[in-house]
Amino acid sequence: FGDGYEQRRVTGLNSNLKKYSVTIRTKRQDAGYLEDFLSEHNGVKAFLWTPPYGYRQIKVVCRKWSVKAGLLKTTFTAMFEQVVV
């Protein structure tokens, strides 16, 4: 719902939504683009993503992520949660 509440049921059409722990490594100079993207969506606005071993995109939100910057690469660790919009 629009105010932070979610409807959850064991049975029904949306009972099998997935969560994915995602690790993304990018060049350090490109890390800002991903950080901006995740910040702009702010864990609320869904975006399309293709899961591993999948061929169809699903809608997900990312409510939390962490960043580890190295000399050449930056590593993002995120939790993508499937949503129905």
Protein backbone atom coordinates (compact mmCIF):
# COMPACT_ATOMS: atom_id res chain seq x y z
CA PHE A 1 0.00 0.00 0.00
CA GLY A 2 1.18 3.59 -0.39
CA ASP A 3 2.02 4.23 3.26
CA GLY A 4 4.61 1.50 3.81
CA TYR A 5 2.24 -1.35 4.63
CA GLU A 6 2.27 -4.56 2.63
CA GLN A 7 -0.33 -7.25 2.20
CA ARG A 8 1.06 -10.74 2.79
CA ARG A 9 -0.70 -14.08 2.60
CA VAL A 10 0.53 -17.63 2.36
CA THR A 11 -1.98 -18.41 -0.37
CA GLY A 12 -3.08 -16.40 -3.34
CA LEU A 13 -1.69 -14.95 -6.52
CA ASN A 14 1.35 -13.26 -4.97
CA SER A 15 2.41 -15.90 -2.46
CA ASN A 16 5.62 -16.96 -4.20
CA LEU A 17 7.52 -13.68 -4.52
CA LYS A 18 11.30 -14.13 -4.42
CA LYS A 19 14.19 -12.34 -2.72
CA TYR A 20 17.64 -12.25 -4.28
CA SER A 21 20.97 -11.41 -2.69
CA VAL A 22 22.84 -9.63 -5.48
CA THR A 23 26.51 -8.71 -5.78
CA ILE A 24 27.49 -6.23 -8.47
CA ARG A 25 31.10 -5.32 -9.24
CA THR A 26 31.71 -2.24 -11.31
CA LYS A 27 34.57 0.04 -12.27
CA ARG A 28 35.12 2.59 -9.56
CA GLN A 29 34.37 5.49 -11.92
CA ASP A 30 30.97 3.94 -12.82
CA ALA A 31 29.86 3.23 -9.24
CA GLY A 32 28.17 6.60 -8.86
CA TYR A 33 25.64 5.73 -11.56
CA LEU A 34 24.48 2.62 -9.69
CA GLU A 35 24.44 4.44 -6.35
CA ASP A 36 22.32 7.21 -7.89
CA PHE A 37 19.94 4.68 -9.47
CA LEU A 38 19.35 2.85 -6.18
CA SER A 39 19.00 6.11 -4.25
CA GLU A 40 16.50 7.55 -6.74
CA HIS A 41 14.33 4.43 -6.47
CA ASN A 42 14.65 4.66 -2.68
CA GLY A 43 13.36 1.14 -1.99
CA VAL A 44 9.89 2.18 -3.17
CA LYS A 45 9.91 2.55 -6.94
CA ALA A 46 10.13 -0.83 -8.69
CA PHE A 47 12.48 -1.50 -11.60
CA LEU A 48 12.93 -4.36 -14.06
CA TRP A 49 15.67 -6.93 -13.45
CA THR A 50 16.50 -10.32 -14.94
CA PRO A 51 17.24 -12.92 -12.24
CA PRO A 52 20.07 -15.42 -12.63
CA TYR A 53 19.11 -18.41 -14.74
CA GLY A 54 16.06 -16.45 -15.84
CA TYR A 55 15.02 -15.19 -19.22
CA ARG A 56 12.12 -12.92 -18.24
CA GLN A 57 12.46 -9.67 -16.38
CA ILE A 58 10.68 -9.24 -13.07
CA LYS A 59 9.84 -6.12 -11.08
CA VAL A 60 11.91 -5.67 -7.94
CA VAL A 61 12.64 -3.10 -5.27
CA CYS A 62 15.94 -2.65 -3.44
CA ARG A 63 15.38 -1.45 0.12
CA LYS A 64 18.93 -1.95 1.33
CA TRP A 65 22.39 -2.18 -0.11
CA SER A 66 26.00 -1.71 0.93
CA VAL A 67 29.05 -0.51 -0.95
CA LYS A 68 32.70 -1.49 -0.65
CA ALA A 69 35.10 0.65 -2.70
CA GLY A 70 38.40 -0.83 -3.78
CA LEU A 71 41.27 0.71 -5.73
CA LEU A 72 39.91 -0.26 -9.15
CA LYS A 73 36.52 -1.86 -8.49
CA THR A 74 33.52 -1.05 -6.32
CA THR A 75 31.35 -3.87 -4.99
CA PHE A 76 27.66 -3.40 -4.25
CA THR A 77 25.79 -5.98 -2.19
CA ALA A 78 22.02 -5.59 -2.41
CA MET A 79 18.77 -7.37 -1.62
CA PHE A 80 16.30 -7.36 -4.52
CA GLU A 81 12.71 -8.21 -3.57
CA GLN A 82 10.20 -9.18 -6.23
CA VAL A 83 7.03 -7.09 -6.22
CA VAL A 84 3.77 -7.04 -8.12
CA VAL A 85 2.90 -3.59 -9.37
